[in-house]
Amino acid sequence: MRDVVEIALVAAGAYAAAGLLFAALFVTIGVNRIDPAARGAGLGFRLLILPGSALFWPLLLRRWLRPGQEEP
């Protein structure tokens, strides 16, 4: 059972690390590509979306890689 917990913690840590790295790139570059209304947004807005970007990074990465397609 201890091995399962350790694997889960390592997986959660890897997800969080990937999320933080992605969020740093996303709030500086990516948000402008997916949401034209975010162009020119200030630091406060970018800090506000940082935690959500880190949490939902797989969904946002998919949108970032296909910016011309609308999600249903």
C-alpha atoms as a PDB file:
ATOM      1  CA  MET A   1       0.000   0.000   0.000  1.00  0.00           C
ATOM      2  CA  ARG A   2       2.875   2.336   0.760  1.00  0.00           C
ATOM      3  CA  ASP A   3       4.170   1.946  -2.800  1.00  0.00           C
ATOM      4  CA  VAL A   4       0.808   3.003  -4.216  1.00  0.00           C
ATOM      5  CA  VAL A   5       0.824   6.146  -2.076  1.00  0.00           C
ATOM      6  CA  GLU A   6       4.384   6.973  -3.101  1.00  0.00           C
ATOM      7  CA  ILE A   7       3.536   6.537  -6.788  1.00  0.00           C
ATOM      8  CA  ALA A   8       0.458   8.736  -6.386  1.00  0.00           C
ATOM      9  CA  LEU A   9       2.502  11.456  -4.679  1.00  0.00           C
ATOM     10  CA  VAL A  10       5.192  11.353  -7.341  1.00  0.00           C
ATOM     11  CA  ALA A  11       2.546  11.522 -10.065  1.00  0.00           C
ATOM     12  CA  ALA A  12       0.842  14.479  -8.356  1.00  0.00           C
ATOM     13  CA  GLY A  13       4.181  16.240  -7.980  1.00  0.00           C
ATOM     14  CA  ALA A  14       5.036  15.686 -11.637  1.00  0.00           C
ATOM     15  CA  TYR A  15       1.607  16.996 -12.684  1.00  0.00           C
ATOM     16  CA  ALA A  16       2.053  20.082 -10.492  1.00  0.00           C
ATOM     17  CA  ALA A  17       5.578  20.738 -11.784  1.00  0.00           C
ATOM     18  CA  ALA A  18       4.457  20.424 -15.392  1.00  0.00           C
ATOM     19  CA  GLY A  19       1.494  22.662 -14.602  1.00  0.00           C
ATOM     20  CA  LEU A  20       3.624  25.403 -13.084  1.00  0.00           C
ATOM     21  CA  LEU A  21       6.042  25.356 -15.994  1.00  0.00           C
ATOM     22  CA  PHE A  22       3.194  25.443 -18.485  1.00  0.00           C
ATOM     23  CA  ALA A  23       1.362  28.194 -16.586  1.00  0.00           C
ATOM     24  CA  ALA A  24       4.432  30.427 -16.611  1.00  0.00           C
ATOM     25  CA  LEU A  25       4.665  30.113 -20.390  1.00  0.00           C
ATOM     26  CA  PHE A  26       0.936  30.301 -20.924  1.00  0.00           C
ATOM     27  CA  VAL A  27       0.292  33.520 -19.036  1.00  0.00           C
ATOM     28  CA  THR A  28       3.111  35.274 -20.882  1.00  0.00           C
ATOM     29  CA  ILE A  29       2.604  33.958 -24.417  1.00  0.00           C
ATOM     30  CA  GLY A  30      -0.244  31.485 -24.797  1.00  0.00           C
ATOM     31  CA  VAL A  31      -3.200  33.395 -23.421  1.00  0.00           C
ATOM     32  CA  ASN A  32      -2.824  35.973 -26.180  1.00  0.00           C
ATOM     33  CA  ARG A  33      -3.159  33.260 -28.813  1.00  0.00           C
ATOM     34  CA  ILE A  34      -6.281  31.605 -27.426  1.00  0.00           C
ATOM     35  CA  ASP A  35      -8.140  34.683 -26.223  1.00  0.00           C
ATOM     36  CA  PRO A  36      -7.767  37.878 -28.260  1.00  0.00           C
ATOM     37  CA  ALA A  37      -9.509  39.814 -25.473  1.00  0.00           C
ATOM     38  CA  ALA A  38      -6.549  39.052 -23.199  1.00  0.00           C
ATOM     39  CA  ARG A  39      -4.138  41.008 -25.373  1.00  0.00           C
ATOM     40  CA  GLY A  40      -2.886  43.981 -23.432  1.00  0.00           C
ATOM     41  CA  ALA A  41      -4.114  42.591 -20.116  1.00  0.00           C
ATOM     42  CA  GLY A  42      -2.041  43.613 -17.153  1.00  0.00           C
ATOM     43  CA  LEU A  43      -0.035  41.744 -14.581  1.00  0.00           C
ATOM     44  CA  GLY A  44      -3.002  41.444 -12.220  1.00  0.00           C
ATOM     45  CA  PHE A  45      -5.041  39.492 -14.767  1.00  0.00           C
ATOM     46  CA  ARG A  46      -2.125  37.213 -15.540  1.00  0.00           C
ATOM     47  CA  LEU A  47      -1.509  36.488 -11.858  1.00  0.00           C
ATOM     48  CA  LEU A  48      -5.209  35.804 -11.431  1.00  0.00           C
ATOM     49  CA  ILE A  49      -5.285  33.129 -14.154  1.00  0.00           C
ATOM     50  CA  LEU A  50      -1.956  31.540 -13.135  1.00  0.00           C
ATOM     51  CA  PRO A  51      -3.352  28.974 -10.636  1.00  0.00           C
ATOM     52  CA  GLY A  52      -6.128  27.863 -12.972  1.00  0.00           C
ATOM     53  CA  SER A  53      -3.658  27.580 -15.820  1.00  0.00           C
ATOM     54  CA  ALA A  54      -1.436  25.349 -13.712  1.00  0.00           C
ATOM     55  CA  LEU A  55      -4.373  23.145 -12.718  1.00  0.00           C
ATOM     56  CA  PHE A  56      -6.018  22.815 -16.138  1.00  0.00           C
ATOM     57  CA  TRP A  57      -2.814  22.783 -18.189  1.00  0.00           C
ATOM     58  CA  PRO A  58      -3.663  19.729 -20.358  1.00  0.00           C
ATOM     59  CA  LEU A  59      -6.880  21.357 -21.595  1.00  0.00           C
ATOM     60  CA  LEU A  60      -5.235  24.711 -22.194  1.00  0.00           C
ATOM     61  CA  LEU A  61      -2.290  23.110 -23.979  1.00  0.00           C
ATOM     62  CA  ARG A  62      -4.691  21.412 -26.370  1.00  0.00           C
ATOM     63  CA  ARG A  63      -6.424  24.730 -27.058  1.00  0.00           C
ATOM     64  CA  TRP A  64      -3.069  26.491 -27.463  1.00  0.00           C
ATOM     65  CA  LEU A  65      -1.860  23.978 -30.036  1.00  0.00           C
ATOM     66  CA  ARG A  66      -5.120  24.305 -32.027  1.00  0.00           C
ATOM     67  CA  PRO A  67      -6.057  27.966 -31.656  1.00  0.00           C
ATOM     68  CA  GLY A  68      -8.165  28.155 -34.839  1.00  0.00           C
ATOM     69  CA  GLN A  69     -10.656  25.525 -33.706  1.00  0.00           C
ATOM     70  CA  GLU A  70     -13.501  26.313 -31.350  1.00  0.00           C
ATOM     71  CA  GLU A  71     -14.280  23.871 -28.578  1.00  0.00           C
ATOM     72  CA  PRO A  72     -17.913  22.716 -28.394  1.00  0.00           C
END
